[in-house]
């Protein structure tokens, strides 16, 4: 690394420049920490001068490859001491890099830091409903979607807000380009469980991240996550064979059993006499669960958004669970190029 190299290399993969980039670039260039470069990674060559005259911003055309390949390419041409990964549909808090620098300087052995990706308050209504699904502690990892103390060590963090020490990144060979989505899970697993590195969650290290606007895009995203998590249970159990990942699949199996029981009853076939009561108890328990989720969401969103998020929650559990079960059967997944 050159003596006058920037402290940070901000690496942003995307297909083509658009409104998200137009929004994020001014936020990036206004960061309090001035020692950084921004590496844009579009599919095709782009005229950076049409977007900004700041010499810290460069673009490297990669062709139509996955975000994992793009991130590795960005790291290869980077100059920074720390590699800051963020998505093009996200933009940072002004103190983003400063928080990371102070953490790295305080602990020279720290390999990476990660923080939450918060839904912007001006996101459209249905995008906020999509984002609200992840806000509750009952529905996932709220620390990934809102600043949730305390700071602590983690072993799996998404690349929408992940900053890695340069030598630690190259020590594990970068991202596994055969994985997408899921390259961040594999990278963190290698960093922590194979190289003994430390990743620290910092609640004050946050970015704003736009959510999928609408149910179809939301389910497509969570379905991809479920598919890859189910596959990772087979091939990378260290960070994926955890109870919380199995719960949506268990709910899907319960629903399948309830439907089968109903069909048996309609057909006049013999069924377990206590089955109906048990199924009713299961649905009642899930209804109570959704009420608890609603109460939790009301701490962060108005009633209208929280209520709209409840169907998203229920369908998320079903679709994630189905895709998770499919992933369990897959010996190999073929990475897609889209987002």
C-alpha atoms as a PDB file:
ATOM      1  CA  UNK A   1       0.000   0.000   0.000  1.00  0.00           C
ATOM      2  CA  UNK A   2       1.369   3.413  -0.989  1.00  0.00           C
ATOM      3  CA  UNK A   3       2.308   5.885   1.785  1.00  0.00           C
ATOM      4  CA  UNK A   4      -0.265   8.422   0.530  1.00  0.00           C
ATOM      5  CA  UNK A   5      -2.972   5.820  -0.044  1.00  0.00           C
ATOM      6  CA  UNK A   6      -6.428   6.540   1.402  1.00  0.00           C
ATOM      7  CA  UNK A   7      -7.447   4.975   4.683  1.00  0.00           C
ATOM      8  CA  UNK A   8     -10.651   3.543   3.208  1.00  0.00           C
ATOM      9  CA  UNK A   9     -11.724   2.075  -0.116  1.00  0.00           C
ATOM     10  CA  UNK A  10     -15.508   2.215  -0.489  1.00  0.00           C
ATOM     11  CA  UNK A  11     -16.549  -0.578  -2.859  1.00  0.00           C
ATOM     12  CA  UNK A  12     -19.990  -0.460  -4.531  1.00  0.00           C
ATOM     13  CA  UNK A  13     -21.221  -3.149  -6.967  1.00  0.00           C
ATOM     14  CA  UNK A  14     -24.226  -2.534  -9.218  1.00  0.00           C
ATOM     15  CA  UNK A  15     -25.507  -3.265 -12.723  1.00  0.00           C
ATOM     16  CA  UNK A  16     -25.882   0.269 -14.073  1.00  0.00           C
ATOM     17  CA  UNK A  17     -25.849   3.768 -12.561  1.00  0.00           C
ATOM     18  CA  UNK A  18     -29.252   5.176 -11.706  1.00  0.00           C
ATOM     19  CA  UNK A  19     -31.256   7.117  -9.119  1.00  0.00           C
ATOM     20  CA  UNK A  20     -29.791   5.229  -6.177  1.00  0.00           C
ATOM     21  CA  UNK A  21     -26.246   6.191  -7.183  1.00  0.00           C
ATOM     22  CA  UNK A  22     -27.350   9.792  -7.685  1.00  0.00           C
ATOM     23  CA  UNK A  23     -28.611   9.768  -4.111  1.00  0.00           C
ATOM     24  CA  UNK A  24     -25.713   7.917  -2.484  1.00  0.00           C
ATOM     25  CA  UNK A  25     -22.743   9.729  -4.044  1.00  0.00           C
ATOM     26  CA  UNK A  26     -23.386  13.106  -2.336  1.00  0.00           C
ATOM     27  CA  UNK A  27     -23.713  11.312   1.016  1.00  0.00           C
ATOM     28  CA  UNK A  28     -20.467   9.440   0.434  1.00  0.00           C
ATOM     29  CA  UNK A  29     -18.571  12.571  -0.564  1.00  0.00           C
ATOM     30  CA  UNK A  30     -19.870  14.394   2.523  1.00  0.00           C
ATOM     31  CA  UNK A  31     -18.495  11.815   4.973  1.00  0.00           C
ATOM     32  CA  UNK A  32     -16.618  13.341   7.917  1.00  0.00           C
ATOM     33  CA  UNK A  33     -13.681  11.041   7.250  1.00  0.00           C
ATOM     34  CA  UNK A  34     -12.064  12.523   4.144  1.00  0.00           C
ATOM     35  CA  UNK A  35      -9.361   9.917   3.481  1.00  0.00           C
ATOM     36  CA  UNK A  36     -11.169   7.506   1.188  1.00  0.00           C
ATOM     37  CA  UNK A  37     -11.675   6.455  -2.404  1.00  0.00           C
ATOM     38  CA  UNK A  38     -14.947   5.300  -3.980  1.00  0.00           C
ATOM     39  CA  UNK A  39     -14.743   2.401  -6.426  1.00  0.00           C
ATOM     40  CA  UNK A  40     -17.871   1.992  -8.559  1.00  0.00           C
ATOM     41  CA  UNK A  41     -18.338  -1.388 -10.214  1.00  0.00           C
ATOM     42  CA  UNK A  42     -20.948  -1.240 -13.008  1.00  0.00           C
ATOM     43  CA  UNK A  43     -21.402  -3.862 -15.715  1.00  0.00           C
ATOM     44  CA  UNK A  44     -20.501  -1.449 -18.536  1.00  0.00           C
ATOM     45  CA  UNK A  45     -18.086   1.518 -18.693  1.00  0.00           C
ATOM     46  CA  UNK A  46     -19.545   4.730 -17.274  1.00  0.00           C
ATOM     47  CA  UNK A  47     -18.579   8.390 -17.446  1.00  0.00           C
ATOM     48  CA  UNK A  48     -17.808   9.249 -13.831  1.00  0.00           C
ATOM     49  CA  UNK A  49     -17.501  12.925 -14.762  1.00  0.00           C
ATOM     50  CA  UNK A  50     -21.201  13.004 -15.548  1.00  0.00           C
ATOM     51  CA  UNK A  51     -21.899  12.116 -11.926  1.00  0.00           C
ATOM     52  CA  UNK A  52     -19.178  13.921  -9.972  1.00  0.00           C
ATOM     53  CA  UNK A  53     -15.930  15.813 -10.479  1.00  0.00           C
ATOM     54  CA  UNK A  54     -14.450  14.472  -7.238  1.00  0.00           C
ATOM     55  CA  UNK A  55     -11.152  12.683  -8.108  1.00  0.00           C
ATOM     56  CA  UNK A  56     -11.712  10.188  -5.291  1.00  0.00           C
ATOM     57  CA  UNK A  57     -14.407   8.469  -7.352  1.00  0.00           C
ATOM     58  CA  UNK A  58     -13.449   5.953 -10.057  1.00  0.00           C
ATOM     59  CA  UNK A  59     -15.357   3.291 -11.992  1.00  0.00           C
ATOM     60  CA  UNK A  60     -14.231  -0.154 -13.101  1.00  0.00           C
ATOM     61  CA  UNK A  61     -16.462  -1.952 -15.606  1.00  0.00           C
ATOM     62  CA  UNK A  62     -16.763  -5.642 -14.736  1.00  0.00           C
ATOM     63  CA  UNK A  63     -19.183  -7.098 -17.237  1.00  0.00           C
ATOM     64  CA  UNK A  64     -22.349  -8.921 -16.187  1.00  0.00           C
ATOM     65  CA  UNK A  65     -20.978 -10.782 -13.189  1.00  0.00           C
ATOM     66  CA  UNK A  66     -22.300 -11.406  -9.683  1.00  0.00           C
ATOM     67  CA  UNK A  67     -21.899  -8.857  -6.842  1.00  0.00           C
ATOM     68  CA  UNK A  68     -19.374 -11.214  -5.225  1.00  0.00           C
ATOM     69  CA  UNK A  69     -17.136 -11.063  -8.305  1.00  0.00           C
ATOM     70  CA  UNK A  70     -17.543  -7.294  -8.444  1.00  0.00           C
ATOM     71  CA  UNK A  71     -16.537  -6.880  -4.806  1.00  0.00           C
ATOM     72  CA  UNK A  72     -13.432  -8.999  -5.319  1.00  0.00           C
ATOM     73  CA  UNK A  73     -12.537  -6.929  -8.374  1.00  0.00           C
ATOM     74  CA  UNK A  74     -12.991  -3.729  -6.388  1.00  0.00           C
ATOM     75  CA  UNK A  75     -10.724  -5.044  -3.647  1.00  0.00           C
ATOM     76  CA  UNK A  76      -8.052  -5.970  -6.195  1.00  0.00           C
ATOM     77  CA  UNK A  77      -7.786  -2.408  -7.525  1.00  0.00           C
ATOM     78  CA  UNK A  78      -8.248  -0.716  -4.144  1.00  0.00           C
ATOM     79  CA  UNK A  79      -5.579   1.205  -2.261  1.00  0.00           C
ATOM     80  CA  UNK A  80      -7.163   1.609   1.155  1.00  0.00           C
ATOM     81  CA  UNK A  81      -6.111   0.146   4.480  1.00  0.00           C
ATOM     82  CA  UNK A  82      -9.730  -0.807   5.152  1.00  0.00           C
ATOM     83  CA  UNK A  83     -12.264  -2.012   2.580  1.00  0.00           C
ATOM     84  CA  UNK A  84     -15.765  -0.605   3.120  1.00  0.00           C
ATOM     85  CA  UNK A  85     -18.522  -2.577   1.396  1.00  0.00           C
ATOM     86  CA  UNK A  86     -21.919  -1.000   0.818  1.00  0.00           C
ATOM     87  CA  UNK A  87     -24.719  -1.521  -1.727  1.00  0.00           C
ATOM     88  CA  UNK A  88     -25.709   1.065  -4.321  1.00  0.00           C
ATOM     89  CA  UNK A  89     -29.215   1.317  -2.821  1.00  0.00           C
ATOM     90  CA  UNK A  90     -27.738   2.370   0.522  1.00  0.00           C
ATOM     91  CA  UNK A  91     -26.037   5.538   1.750  1.00  0.00           C
ATOM     92  CA  UNK A  92     -24.004   6.100   4.926  1.00  0.00           C
ATOM     93  CA  UNK A  93     -24.434   8.133   8.070  1.00  0.00           C
ATOM     94  CA  UNK A  94     -21.867  10.987   8.034  1.00  0.00           C
ATOM     95  CA  UNK A  95     -19.852   9.340  10.846  1.00  0.00           C
ATOM     96  CA  UNK A  96     -19.756   5.915   9.141  1.00  0.00           C
ATOM     97  CA  UNK A  97     -16.034   5.720   8.400  1.00  0.00           C
ATOM     98  CA  UNK A  98     -15.036   7.631  11.532  1.00  0.00           C
ATOM     99  CA  UNK A  99     -16.760   5.061  13.748  1.00  0.00           C
ATOM    100  CA  UNK A 100     -14.950   2.275  11.884  1.00  0.00           C
ATOM    101  CA  UNK A 101     -11.550   3.989  12.050  1.00  0.00           C
ATOM    102  CA  UNK A 102     -11.780   4.514  15.805  1.00  0.00           C
ATOM    103  CA  UNK A 103     -12.727   0.855  16.310  1.00  0.00           C
ATOM    104  CA  UNK A 104      -9.856  -0.431  14.170  1.00  0.00           C
ATOM    105  CA  UNK A 105      -7.321   1.892  15.808  1.00  0.00           C
ATOM    106  CA  UNK A 106      -8.472   0.886  19.285  1.00  0.00           C
ATOM    107  CA  UNK A 107      -8.099  -2.831  18.496  1.00  0.00           C
ATOM    108  CA  UNK A 108      -5.307  -3.680  16.016  1.00  0.00           C
ATOM    109  CA  UNK A 109      -6.459  -7.313  16.038  1.00  0.00           C
ATOM    110  CA  UNK A 110      -9.949  -6.471  14.820  1.00  0.00           C
ATOM    111  CA  UNK A 111     -10.560  -7.987  11.384  1.00  0.00           C
ATOM    112  CA  UNK A 112     -13.899  -6.373  10.475  1.00  0.00           C
ATOM    113  CA  UNK A 113     -16.795  -4.300  11.726  1.00  0.00           C
ATOM    114  CA  UNK A 114     -20.424  -4.318  10.690  1.00  0.00           C
ATOM    115  CA  UNK A 115     -23.474  -2.273  11.517  1.00  0.00           C
ATOM    116  CA  UNK A 116     -27.194  -1.935  10.856  1.00  0.00           C
ATOM    117  CA  UNK A 117     -28.848  -0.976   7.572  1.00  0.00           C
ATOM    118  CA  UNK A 118     -31.769   1.249   8.533  1.00  0.00           C
ATOM    119  CA  UNK A 119     -34.833   1.880   6.364  1.00  0.00           C
ATOM    120  CA  UNK A 120     -34.905   5.587   5.361  1.00  0.00           C
ATOM    121  CA  UNK A 121     -37.899   7.377   6.892  1.00  0.00           C
ATOM    122  CA  UNK A 122     -38.869   8.747   3.472  1.00  0.00           C
ATOM    123  CA  UNK A 123     -39.074   5.305   1.822  1.00  0.00           C
ATOM    124  CA  UNK A 124     -42.468   4.578   0.182  1.00  0.00           C
ATOM    125  CA  UNK A 125     -45.161   3.050   2.374  1.00  0.00           C
ATOM    126  CA  UNK A 126     -44.868  -0.523   1.097  1.00  0.00           C
ATOM    127  CA  UNK A 127     -41.082  -0.413   1.190  1.00  0.00           C
ATOM    128  CA  UNK A 128     -41.305   0.562   4.864  1.00  0.00           C
ATOM    129  CA  UNK A 129     -43.751  -2.305   5.426  1.00  0.00           C
ATOM    130  CA  UNK A 130     -41.202  -4.648   3.852  1.00  0.00           C
ATOM    131  CA  UNK A 131     -38.419  -3.267   6.038  1.00  0.00           C
ATOM    132  CA  UNK A 132     -40.576  -3.482   9.161  1.00  0.00           C
ATOM    133  CA  UNK A 133     -40.609  -7.286   8.850  1.00  0.00           C
ATOM    134  CA  UNK A 134     -37.022  -7.307  10.087  1.00  0.00           C
ATOM    135  CA  UNK A 135     -37.325  -4.742  12.865  1.00  0.00           C
ATOM    136  CA  UNK A 136     -38.757  -7.018  15.546  1.00  0.00           C
ATOM    137  CA  UNK A 137     -36.558  -9.214  17.701  1.00  0.00           C
ATOM    138  CA  UNK A 138     -39.181 -11.923  17.107  1.00  0.00           C
ATOM    139  CA  UNK A 139     -38.751 -12.001  13.335  1.00  0.00           C
ATOM    140  CA  UNK A 140     -35.040 -12.106  12.727  1.00  0.00           C
ATOM    141  CA  UNK A 141     -31.940 -10.047  13.419  1.00  0.00           C
ATOM    142  CA  UNK A 142     -33.100  -6.547  14.452  1.00  0.00           C
ATOM    143  CA  UNK A 143     -29.523  -5.424  15.016  1.00  0.00           C
ATOM    144  CA  UNK A 144     -29.018  -5.656  11.254  1.00  0.00           C
ATOM    145  CA  UNK A 145     -31.880  -3.272  10.573  1.00  0.00           C
ATOM    146  CA  UNK A 146     -31.817  -0.769  13.436  1.00  0.00           C
ATOM    147  CA  UNK A 147     -29.139   0.388  15.919  1.00  0.00           C
ATOM    148  CA  UNK A 148     -29.486  -2.159  18.713  1.00  0.00           C
ATOM    149  CA  UNK A 149     -26.946  -2.068  21.568  1.00  0.00           C
ATOM    150  CA  UNK A 150     -24.672  -3.482  22.761  1.00  0.00           C
ATOM    151  CA  UNK A 151     -21.596  -3.836  20.600  1.00  0.00           C
ATOM    152  CA  UNK A 152     -20.510  -7.478  20.420  1.00  0.00           C
ATOM    153  CA  UNK A 153     -18.689 -10.071  18.360  1.00  0.00           C
ATOM    154  CA  UNK A 154     -20.561 -11.721  15.473  1.00  0.00           C
ATOM    155  CA  UNK A 155     -19.646 -14.353  12.887  1.00  0.00           C
ATOM    156  CA  UNK A 156     -22.051 -13.498  10.053  1.00  0.00           C
ATOM    157  CA  UNK A 157     -22.759 -10.041   8.643  1.00  0.00           C
ATOM    158  CA  UNK A 158     -24.239  -8.725   5.353  1.00  0.00           C
ATOM    159  CA  UNK A 159     -22.118  -6.763   2.893  1.00  0.00           C
ATOM    160  CA  UNK A 160     -24.548  -3.861   2.764  1.00  0.00           C
ATOM    161  CA  UNK A 161     -22.561  -2.529   5.737  1.00  0.00           C
ATOM    162  CA  UNK A 162     -19.322  -4.424   6.295  1.00  0.00           C
ATOM    163  CA  UNK A 163     -15.846  -2.876   6.645  1.00  0.00           C
ATOM    164  CA  UNK A 164     -12.846  -5.221   6.571  1.00  0.00           C
ATOM    165  CA  UNK A 165      -9.160  -4.811   7.318  1.00  0.00           C
ATOM    166  CA  UNK A 166      -7.312  -5.179   4.013  1.00  0.00           C
ATOM    167  CA  UNK A 167      -4.881  -7.906   5.047  1.00  0.00           C
ATOM    168  CA  UNK A 168      -7.692  -9.903   6.681  1.00  0.00           C
ATOM    169  CA  UNK A 169      -9.725  -9.731   3.466  1.00  0.00           C
ATOM    170  CA  UNK A 170      -6.951 -11.107   1.290  1.00  0.00           C
ATOM    171  CA  UNK A 171      -5.916 -13.677   3.903  1.00  0.00           C
ATOM    172  CA  UNK A 172      -9.183 -15.542   3.271  1.00  0.00           C
ATOM    173  CA  UNK A 173      -9.038 -15.042  -0.494  1.00  0.00           C
ATOM    174  CA  UNK A 174     -11.877 -12.522  -0.653  1.00  0.00           C
ATOM    175  CA  UNK A 175     -15.448 -13.571  -1.386  1.00  0.00           C
ATOM    176  CA  UNK A 176     -16.435 -16.995  -2.619  1.00  0.00           C
ATOM    177  CA  UNK A 177     -17.614 -15.985  -6.078  1.00  0.00           C
ATOM    178  CA  UNK A 178     -19.639 -19.192  -6.445  1.00  0.00           C
ATOM    179  CA  UNK A 179     -22.015 -17.844  -3.788  1.00  0.00           C
ATOM    180  CA  UNK A 180     -24.673 -15.197  -4.336  1.00  0.00           C
ATOM    181  CA  UNK A 181     -26.499 -14.373  -2.250  1.00  0.00           C
ATOM    182  CA  UNK A 182     -24.587 -15.802   0.654  1.00  0.00           C
ATOM    183  CA  UNK A 183     -21.067 -14.696  -0.236  1.00  0.00           C
ATOM    184  CA  UNK A 184     -21.017 -12.576   2.898  1.00  0.00           C
ATOM    185  CA  UNK A 185     -21.962 -15.572   5.088  1.00  0.00           C
ATOM    186  CA  UNK A 186     -19.186 -17.678   3.546  1.00  0.00           C
ATOM    187  CA  UNK A 187     -16.672 -14.831   3.822  1.00  0.00           C
ATOM    188  CA  UNK A 188     -17.447 -14.209   7.502  1.00  0.00           C
ATOM    189  CA  UNK A 189     -17.317 -17.945   8.242  1.00  0.00           C
ATOM    190  CA  UNK A 190     -13.845 -18.155   6.697  1.00  0.00           C
ATOM    191  CA  UNK A 191     -12.701 -15.004   8.467  1.00  0.00           C
ATOM    192  CA  UNK A 192     -13.858 -16.080  11.932  1.00  0.00           C
ATOM    193  CA  UNK A 193     -13.842 -19.884  11.979  1.00  0.00           C
ATOM    194  CA  UNK A 194     -10.927 -20.611   9.653  1.00  0.00           C
ATOM    195  CA  UNK A 195      -8.621 -17.642  10.247  1.00  0.00           C
ATOM    196  CA  UNK A 196      -9.559 -16.811  13.834  1.00  0.00           C
ATOM    197  CA  UNK A 197     -10.479 -13.217  13.008  1.00  0.00           C
ATOM    198  CA  UNK A 198     -12.909 -11.049  14.943  1.00  0.00           C
ATOM    199  CA  UNK A 199     -15.935  -9.235  13.501  1.00  0.00           C
ATOM    200  CA  UNK A 200     -17.501  -6.663  15.799  1.00  0.00           C
ATOM    201  CA  UNK A 201     -21.046  -5.369  15.496  1.00  0.00           C
ATOM    202  CA  UNK A 202     -21.162  -1.618  16.160  1.00  0.00           C
ATOM    203  CA  UNK A 203     -24.687  -0.173  16.525  1.00  0.00           C
ATOM    204  CA  UNK A 204     -23.442   3.360  15.793  1.00  0.00           C
ATOM    205  CA  UNK A 205     -21.931   2.218  12.447  1.00  0.00           C
ATOM    206  CA  UNK A 206     -25.040   2.496  10.330  1.00  0.00           C
ATOM    207  CA  UNK A 207     -26.168   3.131   6.781  1.00  0.00           C
ATOM    208  CA  UNK A 208     -29.590   3.897   5.324  1.00  0.00           C
ATOM    209  CA  UNK A 209     -30.836   1.100   3.066  1.00  0.00           C
ATOM    210  CA  UNK A 210     -33.825   1.253   0.747  1.00  0.00           C
ATOM    211  CA  UNK A 211     -36.157  -1.770   0.961  1.00  0.00           C
ATOM    212  CA  UNK A 212     -37.828  -3.773  -1.778  1.00  0.00           C
ATOM    213  CA  UNK A 213     -40.976  -1.817  -2.765  1.00  0.00           C
ATOM    214  CA  UNK A 214     -43.783  -4.354  -2.697  1.00  0.00           C
ATOM    215  CA  UNK A 215     -44.572  -7.907  -1.702  1.00  0.00           C
ATOM    216  CA  UNK A 216     -43.297  -9.655  -4.847  1.00  0.00           C
ATOM    217  CA  UNK A 217     -39.788  -8.186  -4.660  1.00  0.00           C
ATOM    218  CA  UNK A 218     -39.720  -8.675  -0.900  1.00  0.00           C
ATOM    219  CA  UNK A 219     -40.543 -12.373  -1.195  1.00  0.00           C
ATOM    220  CA  UNK A 220     -38.061 -12.846  -4.007  1.00  0.00           C
ATOM    221  CA  UNK A 221     -35.317 -11.448  -1.796  1.00  0.00           C
ATOM    222  CA  UNK A 222     -36.159 -13.456   1.325  1.00  0.00           C
ATOM    223  CA  UNK A 223     -36.697 -16.575  -0.804  1.00  0.00           C
ATOM    224  CA  UNK A 224     -33.151 -16.288  -2.124  1.00  0.00           C
ATOM    225  CA  UNK A 225     -31.886 -15.930   1.428  1.00  0.00           C
ATOM    226  CA  UNK A 226     -33.864 -18.980   2.539  1.00  0.00           C
ATOM    227  CA  UNK A 227     -32.634 -21.109  -0.355  1.00  0.00           C
ATOM    228  CA  UNK A 228     -28.998 -20.321   0.305  1.00  0.00           C
ATOM    229  CA  UNK A 229     -29.320 -20.641   4.076  1.00  0.00           C
ATOM    230  CA  UNK A 230     -30.824 -24.113   3.667  1.00  0.00           C
ATOM    231  CA  UNK A 231     -27.962 -25.071   1.364  1.00  0.00           C
ATOM    232  CA  UNK A 232     -25.423 -23.635   3.809  1.00  0.00           C
ATOM    233  CA  UNK A 233     -26.860 -25.867   6.555  1.00  0.00           C
ATOM    234  CA  UNK A 234     -25.467 -28.748   4.501  1.00  0.00           C
ATOM    235  CA  UNK A 235     -22.143 -27.295   3.439  1.00  0.00           C
ATOM    236  CA  UNK A 236     -21.324 -24.627   6.073  1.00  0.00           C
ATOM    237  CA  UNK A 237     -22.994 -25.732   9.310  1.00  0.00           C
ATOM    238  CA  UNK A 238     -20.751 -23.626  11.569  1.00  0.00           C
ATOM    239  CA  UNK A 239     -22.893 -20.506  11.187  1.00  0.00           C
ATOM    240  CA  UNK A 240     -26.054 -21.846   9.543  1.00  0.00           C
ATOM    241  CA  UNK A 241     -27.108 -24.822  11.655  1.00  0.00           C
ATOM    242  CA  UNK A 242     -28.908 -22.651  14.198  1.00  0.00           C
ATOM    243  CA  UNK A 243     -32.450 -22.983  15.523  1.00  0.00           C
ATOM    244  CA  UNK A 244     -33.756 -19.616  14.293  1.00  0.00           C
ATOM    245  CA  UNK A 245     -33.092 -20.566  10.673  1.00  0.00           C
ATOM    246  CA  UNK A 246     -35.158 -23.756  11.021  1.00  0.00           C
ATOM    247  CA  UNK A 247     -38.261 -22.191  12.602  1.00  0.00           C
ATOM    248  CA  UNK A 248     -39.942 -20.970   9.363  1.00  0.00           C
ATOM    249  CA  UNK A 249     -39.412 -24.418   7.839  1.00  0.00           C
ATOM    250  CA  UNK A 250     -40.972 -26.017  10.914  1.00  0.00           C
ATOM    251  CA  UNK A 251     -43.993 -23.724  10.473  1.00  0.00           C
ATOM    252  CA  UNK A 252     -44.311 -24.770   6.816  1.00  0.00           C
ATOM    253  CA  UNK A 253     -44.263 -28.429   7.834  1.00  0.00           C
ATOM    254  CA  UNK A 254     -46.944 -27.696  10.436  1.00  0.00           C
ATOM    255  CA  UNK A 255     -49.107 -26.018   7.763  1.00  0.00           C
ATOM    256  CA  UNK A 256     -48.623 -28.995   5.459  1.00  0.00           C
ATOM    257  CA  UNK A 257     -49.699 -31.355   8.255  1.00  0.00           C
ATOM    258  CA  UNK A 258     -52.771 -29.178   8.928  1.00  0.00           C
ATOM    259  CA  UNK A 259     -53.795 -29.268   5.254  1.00  0.00           C
ATOM    260  CA  UNK A 260     -53.241 -33.017   5.079  1.00  0.00           C
ATOM    261  CA  UNK A 261     -55.326 -33.507   8.218  1.00  0.00           C
ATOM    262  CA  UNK A 262     -58.136 -31.429   6.708  1.00  0.00           C
ATOM    263  CA  UNK A 263     -58.076 -33.450   3.478  1.00  0.00           C
ATOM    264  CA  UNK A 264     -58.245 -36.699   5.439  1.00  0.00           C
ATOM    265  CA  UNK A 265     -61.251 -35.402   7.372  1.00  0.00           C
ATOM    266  CA  UNK A 266     -63.042 -34.306   4.186  1.00  0.00           C
ATOM    267  CA  UNK A 267     -62.357 -37.682   2.598  1.00  0.00           C
ATOM    268  CA  UNK A 268     -63.687 -39.526   5.616  1.00  0.00           C
ATOM    269  CA  UNK A 269     -60.338 -41.198   6.296  1.00  0.00           C
ATOM    270  CA  UNK A 270     -59.233 -42.054   9.835  1.00  0.00           C
ATOM    271  CA  UNK A 271     -57.222 -39.341  11.617  1.00  0.00           C
ATOM    272  CA  UNK A 272     -55.712 -38.948  15.065  1.00  0.00           C
ATOM    273  CA  UNK A 273     -58.519 -37.783  17.342  1.00  0.00           C
ATOM    274  CA  UNK A 274     -56.354 -35.143  18.996  1.00  0.00           C
ATOM    275  CA  UNK A 275     -55.013 -33.763  15.714  1.00  0.00           C
ATOM    276  CA  UNK A 276     -57.667 -31.119  15.255  1.00  0.00           C
ATOM    277  CA  UNK A 277     -57.172 -29.696  18.728  1.00  0.00           C
ATOM    278  CA  UNK A 278     -53.396 -29.639  18.297  1.00  0.00           C
ATOM    279  CA  UNK A 279     -53.699 -27.853  14.959  1.00  0.00           C
ATOM    280  CA  UNK A 280     -56.076 -25.303  16.452  1.00  0.00           C
ATOM    281  CA  UNK A 281     -53.627 -24.703  19.278  1.00  0.00           C
ATOM    282  CA  UNK A 282     -50.830 -24.171  16.758  1.00  0.00           C
ATOM    283  CA  UNK A 283     -52.782 -21.555  14.816  1.00  0.00           C
ATOM    284  CA  UNK A 284     -53.800 -19.822  18.037  1.00  0.00           C
ATOM    285  CA  UNK A 285     -50.169 -19.702  19.152  1.00  0.00           C
ATOM    286  CA  UNK A 286     -49.123 -18.195  15.821  1.00  0.00           C
ATOM    287  CA  UNK A 287     -51.881 -15.576  16.069  1.00  0.00           C
ATOM    288  CA  UNK A 288     -50.557 -14.573  19.491  1.00  0.00           C
ATOM    289  CA  UNK A 289     -47.060 -14.460  18.031  1.00  0.00           C
ATOM    290  CA  UNK A 290     -48.210 -12.043  15.301  1.00  0.00           C
ATOM    291  CA  UNK A 291     -49.847  -9.826  17.917  1.00  0.00           C
ATOM    292  CA  UNK A 292     -46.572  -9.712  19.826  1.00  0.00           C
ATOM    293  CA  UNK A 293     -44.749  -8.817  16.611  1.00  0.00           C
ATOM    294  CA  UNK A 294     -47.272  -6.031  15.969  1.00  0.00           C
ATOM    295  CA  UNK A 295     -46.696  -4.634  19.437  1.00  0.00           C
ATOM    296  CA  UNK A 296     -42.949  -4.723  18.887  1.00  0.00           C
ATOM    297  CA  UNK A 297     -43.203  -2.986  15.493  1.00  0.00           C
ATOM    298  CA  UNK A 298     -45.283  -0.176  16.963  1.00  0.00           C
ATOM    299  CA  UNK A 299     -42.152   0.942  18.835  1.00  0.00           C
ATOM    300  CA  UNK A 300     -40.568   1.863  15.504  1.00  0.00           C
ATOM    301  CA  UNK A 301     -43.323   2.443  12.942  1.00  0.00           C
ATOM    302  CA  UNK A 302     -46.798   4.052  12.939  1.00  0.00           C
ATOM    303  CA  UNK A 303     -49.832   1.802  13.210  1.00  0.00           C
ATOM    304  CA  UNK A 304     -50.539   1.851   9.466  1.00  0.00           C
ATOM    305  CA  UNK A 305     -47.061   0.558   8.541  1.00  0.00           C
ATOM    306  CA  UNK A 306     -46.983  -1.961  11.396  1.00  0.00           C
ATOM    307  CA  UNK A 307     -50.375  -3.402  10.402  1.00  0.00           C
ATOM    308  CA  UNK A 308     -49.352  -3.599   6.746  1.00  0.00           C
ATOM    309  CA  UNK A 309     -46.184  -5.447   7.760  1.00  0.00           C
ATOM    310  CA  UNK A 310     -48.059  -8.322   9.451  1.00  0.00           C
ATOM    311  CA  UNK A 311     -49.119 -10.048   6.186  1.00  0.00           C
ATOM    312  CA  UNK A 312     -45.524  -9.563   5.009  1.00  0.00           C
ATOM    313  CA  UNK A 313     -44.333 -11.326   8.171  1.00  0.00           C
ATOM    314  CA  UNK A 314     -46.698 -14.283   7.716  1.00  0.00           C
ATOM    315  CA  UNK A 315     -45.867 -14.737   4.027  1.00  0.00           C
ATOM    316  CA  UNK A 316     -42.152 -14.269   4.707  1.00  0.00           C
ATOM    317  CA  UNK A 317     -42.216 -17.199   7.129  1.00  0.00           C
ATOM    318  CA  UNK A 318     -43.953 -19.446   4.616  1.00  0.00           C
ATOM    319  CA  UNK A 319     -41.855 -18.540   1.584  1.00  0.00           C
ATOM    320  CA  UNK A 320     -38.542 -18.483   3.456  1.00  0.00           C
ATOM    321  CA  UNK A 321     -39.422 -21.848   5.019  1.00  0.00           C
ATOM    322  CA  UNK A 322     -40.285 -23.417   1.662  1.00  0.00           C
ATOM    323  CA  UNK A 323     -37.095 -22.165   0.043  1.00  0.00           C
ATOM    324  CA  UNK A 324     -35.055 -23.214   3.064  1.00  0.00           C
ATOM    325  CA  UNK A 325     -36.394 -26.772   2.746  1.00  0.00           C
ATOM    326  CA  UNK A 326     -35.537 -26.728  -0.958  1.00  0.00           C
ATOM    327  CA  UNK A 327     -32.028 -25.523  -0.138  1.00  0.00           C
ATOM    328  CA  UNK A 328     -31.563 -28.464   2.231  1.00  0.00           C
ATOM    329  CA  UNK A 329     -31.960 -30.798  -0.752  1.00  0.00           C
ATOM    330  CA  UNK A 330     -29.432 -29.010  -2.946  1.00  0.00           C
ATOM    331  CA  UNK A 331     -25.878 -30.302  -3.127  1.00  0.00           C
ATOM    332  CA  UNK A 332     -24.889 -27.304  -5.250  1.00  0.00           C
ATOM    333  CA  UNK A 333     -26.440 -23.948  -6.090  1.00  0.00           C
ATOM    334  CA  UNK A 334     -25.837 -21.998  -9.280  1.00  0.00           C
ATOM    335  CA  UNK A 335     -25.287 -18.309  -8.554  1.00  0.00           C
ATOM    336  CA  UNK A 336     -27.527 -15.818 -10.334  1.00  0.00           C
ATOM    337  CA  UNK A 337     -26.318 -12.427 -11.522  1.00  0.00           C
ATOM    338  CA  UNK A 338     -29.332 -10.346 -10.605  1.00  0.00           C
ATOM    339  CA  UNK A 339     -30.152  -8.618  -7.353  1.00  0.00           C
END
